[in-house]
C-alpha atoms as a PDB file:
ATOM      1  CA  MET A   1       0.000   0.000   0.000  1.00  0.00           C
ATOM      2  CA  VAL A   2       1.141   3.531  -0.811  1.00  0.00           C
ATOM      3  CA  ASN A   3      -0.311   6.880   0.164  1.00  0.00           C
ATOM      4  CA  ILE A   4      -1.495   8.659  -2.996  1.00  0.00           C
ATOM      5  CA  GLY A   5      -1.475  12.113  -1.404  1.00  0.00           C
ATOM      6  CA  LEU A   6       2.102  11.714  -0.208  1.00  0.00           C
ATOM      7  CA  LEU A   7       3.096  10.252  -3.582  1.00  0.00           C
ATOM      8  CA  ARG A   8       1.780  13.303  -5.436  1.00  0.00           C
ATOM      9  CA  ALA A   9       3.406  15.696  -2.978  1.00  0.00           C
ATOM     10  CA  GLN A  10       6.795  14.004  -3.310  1.00  0.00           C
ATOM     11  CA  ILE A  11       6.644  13.992  -7.125  1.00  0.00           C
ATOM     12  CA  LYS A  12       5.643  17.666  -7.237  1.00  0.00           C
ATOM     13  CA  SER A  13       8.407  18.549  -4.790  1.00  0.00           C
ATOM     14  CA  GLY A  14      10.968  16.590  -6.837  1.00  0.00           C
ATOM     15  CA  LEU A  15       9.995  18.245 -10.125  1.00  0.00           C
ATOM     16  CA  ARG A  16      10.088  21.728  -8.558  1.00  0.00           C
ATOM     17  CA  ASN A  17      13.430  21.139  -6.860  1.00  0.00           C
ATOM     18  CA  VAL A  18      16.533  22.874  -8.178  1.00  0.00           C
ATOM     19  CA  ARG A  19      18.041  19.413  -8.723  1.00  0.00           C
ATOM     20  CA  CYS A  20      15.552  18.819 -11.524  1.00  0.00           C
ATOM     21  CA  LEU A  21      16.731  21.993 -13.239  1.00  0.00           C
ATOM     22  CA  VAL A  22      20.322  20.773 -12.886  1.00  0.00           C
ATOM     23  CA  VAL A  23      19.398  17.467 -14.541  1.00  0.00           C
ATOM     24  CA  VAL A  24      17.662  19.319 -17.394  1.00  0.00           C
ATOM     25  CA  ALA A  25      20.758  21.494 -17.859  1.00  0.00           C
ATOM     26  CA  LEU A  26      23.077  18.455 -17.785  1.00  0.00           C
ATOM     27  CA  SER A  27      20.863  16.649 -20.308  1.00  0.00           C
ATOM     28  CA  LEU A  28      21.061  19.612 -22.686  1.00  0.00           C
ATOM     29  CA  PHE A  29      24.823  19.755 -22.193  1.00  0.00           C
ATOM     30  CA  ILE A  30      25.244  16.023 -22.932  1.00  0.00           C
ATOM     31  CA  VAL A  31      23.185  16.304 -26.118  1.00  0.00           C
ATOM     32  CA  GLY A  32      24.982  19.477 -27.162  1.00  0.00           C
ATOM     33  CA  PHE A  33      28.401  17.970 -26.528  1.00  0.00           C
ATOM     34  CA  GLN A  34      27.386  14.880 -28.503  1.00  0.00           C
ATOM     35  CA  TRP A  35      26.357  17.079 -31.451  1.00  0.00           C
ATOM     36  CA  TRP A  36      29.559  19.180 -31.217  1.00  0.00           C
ATOM     37  CA  SER A  37      31.924  16.208 -30.927  1.00  0.00           C
ATOM     38  CA  ILE A  38      30.364  14.476 -33.941  1.00  0.00           C
ATOM     39  CA  ARG A  39      31.129  17.517 -36.076  1.00  0.00           C
ATOM     40  CA  HIS A  40      34.731  17.687 -34.899  1.00  0.00           C
ATOM     41  CA  LEU A  41      35.652  14.076 -35.628  1.00  0.00           C
ATOM     42  CA  GLY A  42      38.768  13.463 -37.644  1.00  0.00           C
ATOM     43  CA  TYR A  43      37.046  10.703 -39.638  1.00  0.00           C
ATOM     44  CA  ARG A  44      33.380   9.943 -40.161  1.00  0.00           C
ATOM     45  CA  ILE A  45      31.516   7.816 -42.702  1.00  0.00           C
ATOM     46  CA  HIS A  46      28.775   9.950 -44.286  1.00  0.00           C
ATOM     47  CA  ASP A  47      27.659   7.586 -47.051  1.00  0.00           C
ATOM     48  CA  HIS A  48      24.637   5.804 -45.546  1.00  0.00           C
ATOM     49  CA  GLU A  49      20.845   5.918 -45.522  1.00  0.00           C
ATOM     50  CA  SER A  50      19.426   9.062 -43.940  1.00  0.00           C
ATOM     51  CA  THR A  51      18.284   8.481 -40.350  1.00  0.00           C
ATOM     52  CA  PHE A  52      18.219  10.678 -37.277  1.00  0.00           C
ATOM     53  CA  LEU A  53      19.467   7.757 -35.176  1.00  0.00           C
ATOM     54  CA  ASP A  54      22.990   8.300 -36.501  1.00  0.00           C
ATOM     55  CA  GLU A  55      23.382  11.130 -33.967  1.00  0.00           C
ATOM     56  CA  VAL A  56      21.172   9.880 -31.109  1.00  0.00           C
ATOM     57  CA  LEU A  57      22.718   8.929 -27.771  1.00  0.00           C
ATOM     58  CA  LEU A  58      23.352   5.172 -27.391  1.00  0.00           C
ATOM     59  CA  PHE A  59      22.754   4.601 -31.123  1.00  0.00           C
ATOM     60  CA  SER A  60      25.316   6.871 -32.765  1.00  0.00           C
ATOM     61  CA  PRO A  61      28.747   5.256 -33.224  1.00  0.00           C
ATOM     62  CA  ASP A  62      30.247   8.760 -33.394  1.00  0.00           C
ATOM     63  CA  GLY A  63      30.590  11.500 -30.801  1.00  0.00           C
ATOM     64  CA  SER A  64      31.817  11.650 -27.219  1.00  0.00           C
ATOM     65  CA  GLY A  65      28.423  11.933 -25.542  1.00  0.00           C
ATOM     66  CA  THR A  66      27.271   8.539 -26.756  1.00  0.00           C
ATOM     67  CA  ALA A  67      27.547   6.479 -23.549  1.00  0.00           C
ATOM     68  CA  LEU A  68      25.185   7.419 -20.721  1.00  0.00           C
ATOM     69  CA  TYR A  69      27.603   6.635 -17.908  1.00  0.00           C
ATOM     70  CA  LEU A  70      25.917   9.298 -15.783  1.00  0.00           C
ATOM     71  CA  PHE A  71      22.327   8.076 -16.070  1.00  0.00           C
ATOM     72  CA  PRO A  72      22.249   6.531 -12.548  1.00  0.00           C
ATOM     73  CA  PHE A  73      23.585   9.797 -11.116  1.00  0.00           C
ATOM     74  CA  LEU A  74      21.047  11.916 -13.012  1.00  0.00           C
ATOM     75  CA  ALA A  75      18.270   9.580 -11.873  1.00  0.00           C
ATOM     76  CA  ALA A  76      19.359   9.644  -8.229  1.00  0.00           C
ATOM     77  CA  LEU A  77      19.846  13.409  -8.339  1.00  0.00           C
ATOM     78  CA  VAL A  78      16.147  13.873  -9.111  1.00  0.00           C
ATOM     79  CA  GLY A  79      14.581  11.214  -6.885  1.00  0.00           C
ATOM     80  CA  GLY A  80      17.245   9.519  -4.768  1.00  0.00           C
ATOM     81  CA  SER A  81      16.822  11.764  -1.715  1.00  0.00           C
ATOM     82  CA  VAL A  82      13.031  11.529  -1.376  1.00  0.00           C
ATOM     83  CA  LEU A  83      13.106   9.619   1.912  1.00  0.00           C
ATOM     84  CA  ALA A  84      16.178  11.436   3.206  1.00  0.00           C
ATOM     85  CA  THR A  85      14.463  14.788   2.596  1.00  0.00           C
ATOM     86  CA  GLU A  86      11.478  13.713   4.681  1.00  0.00           C
ATOM     87  CA  LYS A  87      13.836  12.807   7.508  1.00  0.00           C
ATOM     88  CA  GLN A  88      16.020  15.925   7.285  1.00  0.00           C
ATOM     89  CA  SER A  89      12.983  18.229   7.232  1.00  0.00           C
ATOM     90  CA  HIS A  90      11.596  16.415  10.319  1.00  0.00           C
ATOM     91  CA  ARG A  91       8.427  15.520   8.428  1.00  0.00           C
ATOM     92  CA  LEU A  92       9.131  11.808   8.820  1.00  0.00           C
ATOM     93  CA  GLU A  93       8.058  11.824  12.470  1.00  0.00           C
ATOM     94  CA  LEU A  94       4.793  13.582  11.573  1.00  0.00           C
ATOM     95  CA  LEU A  95       4.149  11.164   8.725  1.00  0.00           C
ATOM     96  CA  GLU A  96       4.810   8.180  10.979  1.00  0.00           C
ATOM     97  CA  ALA A  97       2.259   9.524  13.449  1.00  0.00           C
ATOM     98  CA  ARG A  98      -0.376   9.583  10.698  1.00  0.00           C
ATOM     99  CA  LEU A  99       0.837   6.613   8.664  1.00  0.00           C
ATOM    100  CA  ASN A 100       3.359   3.922   9.487  1.00  0.00           C
ATOM    101  CA  TYR A 101       6.997   3.789   8.405  1.00  0.00           C
ATOM    102  CA  GLY A 102       6.339   1.010   5.884  1.00  0.00           C
ATOM    103  CA  VAL A 103       3.788   3.128   3.992  1.00  0.00           C
ATOM    104  CA  VAL A 104       6.137   6.127   3.925  1.00  0.00           C
ATOM    105  CA  GLU A 105       8.988   3.921   2.718  1.00  0.00           C
ATOM    106  CA  ARG A 106       6.965   2.269  -0.047  1.00  0.00           C
ATOM    107  CA  THR A 107       5.518   5.607  -1.175  1.00  0.00           C
ATOM    108  CA  SER A 108       9.016   7.126  -1.276  1.00  0.00           C
ATOM    109  CA  LEU A 109      10.258   4.206  -3.372  1.00  0.00           C
ATOM    110  CA  CYS A 110       7.381   4.634  -5.843  1.00  0.00           C
ATOM    111  CA  SER A 111       7.803   8.399  -6.182  1.00  0.00           C
ATOM    112  CA  GLY A 112      11.586   8.014  -6.360  1.00  0.00           C
ATOM    113  CA  PHE A 113      11.236   5.379  -9.094  1.00  0.00           C
ATOM    114  CA  LEU A 114       9.069   7.695 -11.216  1.00  0.00           C
ATOM    115  CA  LEU A 115      11.291  10.727 -10.647  1.00  0.00           C
ATOM    116  CA  GLY A 116      14.440   8.695 -11.304  1.00  0.00           C
ATOM    117  CA  ALA A 117      13.014   7.186 -14.484  1.00  0.00           C
ATOM    118  CA  PHE A 118      12.333  10.714 -15.735  1.00  0.00           C
ATOM    119  CA  GLY A 119      15.784  12.002 -14.801  1.00  0.00           C
ATOM    120  CA  GLY A 120      17.687   9.040 -16.202  1.00  0.00           C
ATOM    121  CA  VAL A 121      15.916   8.860 -19.555  1.00  0.00           C
ATOM    122  CA  LEU A 122      15.772  12.647 -20.097  1.00  0.00           C
ATOM    123  CA  PRO A 123      19.098  12.900 -22.026  1.00  0.00           C
ATOM    124  CA  PHE A 124      18.004  10.082 -24.342  1.00  0.00           C
ATOM    125  CA  LEU A 125      14.594  11.668 -24.985  1.00  0.00           C
ATOM    126  CA  THR A 126      16.175  15.096 -25.491  1.00  0.00           C
ATOM    127  CA  SER A 127      18.617  13.611 -27.983  1.00  0.00           C
ATOM    128  CA  ILE A 128      15.822  11.908 -29.945  1.00  0.00           C
ATOM    129  CA  ILE A 129      13.728  15.086 -30.128  1.00  0.00           C
ATOM    130  CA  PHE A 130      16.714  17.249 -31.121  1.00  0.00           C
ATOM    131  CA  CYS A 131      17.927  14.849 -33.815  1.00  0.00           C
ATOM    132  CA  ALA A 132      14.443  14.097 -35.183  1.00  0.00           C
ATOM    133  CA  ILE A 133      13.745  17.816 -35.625  1.00  0.00           C
ATOM    134  CA  ARG A 134      17.037  18.336 -37.466  1.00  0.00           C
ATOM    135  CA  ASN A 135      16.678  15.249 -39.660  1.00  0.00           C
ATOM    136  CA  PRO A 136      13.115  13.855 -39.768  1.00  0.00           C
ATOM    137  CA  HIS A 137      14.086  10.590 -41.462  1.00  0.00           C
ATOM    138  CA  LEU A 138      14.207   7.075 -40.058  1.00  0.00           C
ATOM    139  CA  SER A 139      15.750   4.347 -42.212  1.00  0.00           C
ATOM    140  CA  PHE A 140      17.021   0.834 -41.633  1.00  0.00           C
ATOM    141  CA  ILE A 141      20.790   0.376 -41.980  1.00  0.00           C
ATOM    142  CA  ASP A 142      22.045  -3.160 -42.410  1.00  0.00           C
ATOM    143  CA  GLY A 143      24.192  -4.248 -39.490  1.00  0.00           C
ATOM    144  CA  VAL A 144      25.845  -7.255 -41.134  1.00  0.00           C
ATOM    145  CA  MET A 145      29.512  -6.523 -41.782  1.00  0.00           C
ATOM    146  CA  ASN A 146      30.722  -6.975 -45.342  1.00  0.00           C
ATOM    147  CA  SER A 147      32.982 -10.023 -45.729  1.00  0.00           C
ATOM    148  CA  ASP A 148      35.319  -8.030 -47.958  1.00  0.00           C
ATOM    149  CA  ALA A 149      37.828  -6.209 -45.750  1.00  0.00           C
ATOM    150  CA  LYS A 150      38.192  -3.233 -48.116  1.00  0.00           C
ATOM    151  CA  ALA A 151      34.435  -2.732 -48.391  1.00  0.00           C
ATOM    152  CA  ALA A 152      33.989  -3.218 -44.636  1.00  0.00           C
ATOM    153  CA  SER A 153      36.437  -0.400 -43.885  1.00  0.00           C
ATOM    154  CA  SER A 154      34.057   2.138 -45.417  1.00  0.00           C
ATOM    155  CA  GLN A 155      30.813   0.453 -44.370  1.00  0.00           C
ATOM    156  CA  TYR A 156      28.595   2.384 -41.944  1.00  0.00           C
ATOM    157  CA  ILE A 157      26.989   0.226 -39.255  1.00  0.00           C
ATOM    158  CA  LEU A 158      24.551   1.770 -36.785  1.00  0.00           C
ATOM    159  CA  VAL A 159      23.491  -1.344 -34.847  1.00  0.00           C
ATOM    160  CA  TRP A 160      25.681  -4.423 -35.218  1.00  0.00           C
ATOM    161  CA  SER A 161      23.962  -7.620 -36.289  1.00  0.00           C
ATOM    162  CA  GLU A 162      25.433  -9.495 -33.305  1.00  0.00           C
ATOM    163  CA  GLY A 163      23.857  -7.057 -30.834  1.00  0.00           C
ATOM    164  CA  TRP A 164      20.943  -8.085 -28.626  1.00  0.00           C
ATOM    165  CA  VAL A 165      18.766  -5.230 -29.907  1.00  0.00           C
ATOM    166  CA  TYR A 166      19.390  -5.854 -33.635  1.00  0.00           C
ATOM    167  CA  PRO A 167      16.394  -8.206 -34.196  1.00  0.00           C
ATOM    168  CA  ILE A 168      14.103  -5.515 -32.782  1.00  0.00           C
ATOM    169  CA  TYR A 169      15.839  -2.809 -34.818  1.00  0.00           C
ATOM    170  CA  ARG A 170      15.487  -4.863 -38.000  1.00  0.00           C
ATOM    171  CA  TYR A 171      11.798  -5.552 -37.309  1.00  0.00           C
ATOM    172  CA  ASN A 172      10.802  -1.981 -36.404  1.00  0.00           C
ATOM    173  CA  GLN A 173      13.018   1.011 -35.661  1.00  0.00           C
ATOM    174  CA  VAL A 174      10.349   2.830 -33.609  1.00  0.00           C
ATOM    175  CA  LEU A 175       9.861  -0.258 -31.452  1.00  0.00           C
ATOM    176  CA  CYS A 176      13.624  -0.453 -31.014  1.00  0.00           C
ATOM    177  CA  ILE A 177      13.806   3.161 -29.826  1.00  0.00           C
ATOM    178  CA  ALA A 178      10.906   2.559 -27.435  1.00  0.00           C
ATOM    179  CA  THR A 179      12.528  -0.624 -26.072  1.00  0.00           C
ATOM    180  CA  VAL A 180      15.863   1.049 -25.376  1.00  0.00           C
ATOM    181  CA  GLY A 181      14.192   4.127 -23.899  1.00  0.00           C
ATOM    182  CA  LEU A 182      11.945   2.031 -21.652  1.00  0.00           C
ATOM    183  CA  LEU A 183      14.913  -0.027 -20.480  1.00  0.00           C
ATOM    184  CA  VAL A 184      16.893   3.125 -19.619  1.00  0.00           C
ATOM    185  CA  ALA A 185      13.876   4.533 -17.740  1.00  0.00           C
ATOM    186  CA  VAL A 186      13.271   1.350 -15.747  1.00  0.00           C
ATOM    187  CA  LEU A 187      16.949   0.944 -14.864  1.00  0.00           C
ATOM    188  CA  SER A 188      17.091   4.606 -13.837  1.00  0.00           C
ATOM    189  CA  GLY A 189      14.106   4.104 -11.571  1.00  0.00           C
ATOM    190  CA  LEU A 190      15.642   0.994 -10.010  1.00  0.00           C
ATOM    191  CA  PHE A 191      18.973   2.724  -9.406  1.00  0.00           C
ATOM    192  CA  THR A 192      17.047   5.559  -7.748  1.00  0.00           C
ATOM    193  CA  CYS A 193      15.314   3.043  -5.484  1.00  0.00           C
ATOM    194  CA  LEU A 194      18.776   1.754  -4.561  1.00  0.00           C
ATOM    195  CA  ALA A 195      19.719   5.303  -3.495  1.00  0.00           C
ATOM    196  CA  ILE A 196      16.499   5.658  -1.474  1.00  0.00           C
ATOM    197  CA  ALA A 197      16.929   2.293   0.239  1.00  0.00           C
ATOM    198  CA  SER A 198      20.520   3.127   1.190  1.00  0.00           C
ATOM    199  CA  SER A 199      19.750   6.667   2.422  1.00  0.00           C
ATOM    200  CA  PRO A 200      18.765   5.673   6.007  1.00  0.00           C
ATOM    201  CA  PHE A 201      22.241   4.181   6.462  1.00  0.00           C
ATOM    202  CA  MET A 202      24.014   7.401   5.436  1.00  0.00           C
ATOM    203  CA  THR A 203      25.368   9.719   8.108  1.00  0.00           C
ATOM    204  CA  HIS A 204      25.966  12.684   5.786  1.00  0.00           C
ATOM    205  CA  LYS A 205      23.513  14.563   3.577  1.00  0.00           C
ATOM    206  CA  TYR A 206      23.118  13.694  -0.101  1.00  0.00           C
ATOM    207  CA  VAL A 207      25.678  10.856  -0.090  1.00  0.00           C
ATOM    208  CA  GLU A 208      22.921   8.485  -1.245  1.00  0.00           C
ATOM    209  CA  VAL A 209      22.921  10.270  -4.630  1.00  0.00           C
ATOM    210  CA  LEU A 210      26.378   8.827  -5.336  1.00  0.00           C
ATOM    211  CA  VAL A 211      25.496   5.234  -4.355  1.00  0.00           C
ATOM    212  CA  PRO A 212      24.019   4.100  -7.736  1.00  0.00           C
ATOM    213  CA  THR A 213      26.953   5.487  -9.737  1.00  0.00           C
ATOM    214  CA  ALA A 214      29.497   3.964  -7.349  1.00  0.00           C
ATOM    215  CA  PHE A 215      27.664   0.624  -7.479  1.00  0.00           C
ATOM    216  CA  LEU A 216      27.551   0.653 -11.294  1.00  0.00           C
ATOM    217  CA  LEU A 217      31.235   1.552 -11.678  1.00  0.00           C
ATOM    218  CA  LEU A 218      32.322  -1.089  -9.138  1.00  0.00           C
ATOM    219  CA  TRP A 219      30.219  -3.648 -11.004  1.00  0.00           C
ATOM    220  CA  TRP A 220      31.868  -2.551 -14.248  1.00  0.00           C
ATOM    221  CA  ALA A 221      35.377  -2.829 -12.772  1.00  0.00           C
ATOM    222  CA  PHE A 222      34.786  -6.121 -10.932  1.00  0.00           C
ATOM    223  CA  PRO A 223      35.583  -8.434 -13.906  1.00  0.00           C
ATOM    224  CA  VAL A 224      38.870  -6.583 -14.365  1.00  0.00           C
ATOM    225  CA  LEU A 225      39.876  -7.080 -10.732  1.00  0.00           C
ATOM    226  CA  VAL A 226      39.036 -10.784 -10.406  1.00  0.00           C
ATOM    227  CA  PRO A 227      39.262 -13.807 -12.723  1.00  0.00           C
ATOM    228  CA  HIS A 228      36.067 -14.264 -14.690  1.00  0.00           C
ATOM    229  CA  PRO A 229      34.597 -16.370 -17.510  1.00  0.00           C
ATOM    230  CA  GLY A 230      34.412 -14.957 -21.022  1.00  0.00           C
ATOM    231  CA  HIS A 231      31.944 -12.110 -21.675  1.00  0.00           C
ATOM    232  CA  ALA A 232      31.252 -11.665 -17.926  1.00  0.00           C
ATOM    233  CA  GLU A 233      31.806  -7.925 -18.335  1.00  0.00           C
ATOM    234  CA  ASP A 234      28.990  -7.770 -20.915  1.00  0.00           C
ATOM    235  CA  ILE A 235      26.307  -8.197 -18.239  1.00  0.00           C
ATOM    236  CA  ASN A 236      26.949  -4.625 -17.052  1.00  0.00           C
ATOM    237  CA  PRO A 237      24.410  -1.931 -18.077  1.00  0.00           C
ATOM    238  CA  ILE A 238      27.213   0.353 -19.262  1.00  0.00           C
ATOM    239  CA  LEU A 239      27.992  -2.171 -21.999  1.00  0.00           C
ATOM    240  CA  TYR A 240      24.618  -3.650 -22.917  1.00  0.00           C
ATOM    241  CA  LEU A 241      22.971  -0.210 -23.149  1.00  0.00           C
ATOM    242  CA  GLN A 242      25.605   0.869 -25.660  1.00  0.00           C
ATOM    243  CA  VAL A 243      23.678  -0.636 -28.560  1.00  0.00           C
ATOM    244  CA  ASN A 244      25.883   1.146 -31.121  1.00  0.00           C
ATOM    245  CA  GLY A 245      29.121  -0.571 -30.099  1.00  0.00           C
ATOM    246  CA  PHE A 246      30.827  -3.452 -31.866  1.00  0.00           C
ATOM    247  CA  THR A 247      29.423  -6.680 -30.462  1.00  0.00           C
ATOM    248  CA  ALA A 248      31.644  -9.733 -30.428  1.00  0.00           C
ATOM    249  CA  SER A 249      30.173 -13.155 -31.093  1.00  0.00           C
ATOM    250  CA  GLY A 250      28.830 -14.580 -27.850  1.00  0.00           C
ATOM    251  CA  SER A 251      28.177 -11.221 -26.219  1.00  0.00           C
ATOM    252  CA  THR A 252      24.467 -11.217 -27.072  1.00  0.00           C
ATOM    253  CA  LEU A 253      23.592 -13.935 -24.555  1.00  0.00           C
ATOM    254  CA  ALA A 254      25.681 -12.195 -21.891  1.00  0.00           C
ATOM    255  CA  ASN A 255      23.898  -8.898 -22.629  1.00  0.00           C
ATOM    256  CA  LEU A 256      20.467 -10.519 -22.266  1.00  0.00           C
ATOM    257  CA  ILE A 257      21.551 -12.215 -19.046  1.00  0.00           C
ATOM    258  CA  GLY A 258      22.768  -8.818 -17.864  1.00  0.00           C
ATOM    259  CA  VAL A 259      19.370  -7.256 -18.554  1.00  0.00           C
ATOM    260  CA  ALA A 260      17.643 -10.033 -16.591  1.00  0.00           C
ATOM    261  CA  VAL A 261      20.166  -9.887 -13.731  1.00  0.00           C
ATOM    262  CA  THR A 262      19.774  -6.112 -13.425  1.00  0.00           C
ATOM    263  CA  LEU A 263      15.973  -6.143 -13.546  1.00  0.00           C
ATOM    264  CA  ILE A 264      15.808  -8.901 -10.928  1.00  0.00           C
ATOM    265  CA  GLY A 265      18.913  -8.200  -8.855  1.00  0.00           C
ATOM    266  CA  LEU A 266      18.390  -4.489  -8.168  1.00  0.00           C
ATOM    267  CA  PRO A 267      14.869  -4.955  -6.704  1.00  0.00           C
ATOM    268  CA  LEU A 268      16.197  -7.787  -4.520  1.00  0.00           C
ATOM    269  CA  ILE A 269      18.985  -5.541  -3.199  1.00  0.00           C
ATOM    270  CA  VAL A 270      16.447  -2.784  -2.507  1.00  0.00           C
ATOM    271  CA  VAL A 271      14.159  -5.213  -0.663  1.00  0.00           C
ATOM    272  CA  MET A 272      17.076  -6.471   1.427  1.00  0.00           C
ATOM    273  CA  LEU A 273      18.158  -2.926   2.358  1.00  0.00           C
ATOM    274  CA  CYS A 274      14.579  -2.003   3.276  1.00  0.00           C
ATOM    275  CA  TRP A 275      14.275  -5.126   5.438  1.00  0.00           C
ATOM    276  CA  LEU A 276      17.513  -4.280   7.252  1.00  0.00           C
ATOM    277  CA  GLN A 277      16.344  -0.693   7.772  1.00  0.00           C
ATOM    278  CA  ARG A 278      13.018  -1.809   9.224  1.00  0.00           C
ATOM    279  CA  LYS A 279      14.802  -4.127  11.628  1.00  0.00           C
ATOM    280  CA  PHE A 280      17.052  -1.226  12.613  1.00  0.00           C
ATOM    281  CA  HIS A 281      14.058   1.168  12.796  1.00  0.00           C
ATOM    282  CA  GLU A 282      12.134  -1.150  15.064  1.00  0.00           C
END
């Protein structure tokens, strides 16, 4: 059970907060830097079907703003401090008198998920809108590499045929965009819930905002630090969300496993942290 009135109040407060303006500004900067860096490349293949996806974040193989390494931070910046704000403003005690802590916690997780999904996917949506306005064309570009080495050197590939998203891209480009966008939004919301669930354990203000990014980067670096089976690094969101990158044979299964592990593992971590907090709270 969640409290609808509290949910609405927390979402309104999050959208009106200066942090939301910061995320909007950072999203515009990321998209602008992507556009600028594409036009200052030393080498770029221009001979391909016209499509606005060739400059969109996560899809474009060119530009320095392509990878959304910051999406967990942007998500947590908007919604990761929902529960901590209630505590720091001393409203938590008043809410507990009217509701119980479990309701406040669940409501904060729901509002944080929605706010985080908005903050994390905002750069991607901004990039799509900007690029679609500049070039209102959407065409399929074959992702199968030419067997001839000379021809392959000048071949433009947007989504590699070995990638996990290529079957969707080949079937319908709009569906592909929606799938990637939805995945980014859901992951952003889950990373925000991780920040919210960890906030009661923090002794300093706003540290919870850094938890999702630190968790993601440690996960990314873990296969480098310890022995691991082949393609273990491909289960990380940083790699499987980069749908434009070259995909080695065998990485597709690891990417799909990564999607499943993230969508199942993050909620389990959040539930465990909430259970520990309730034990501590009691």
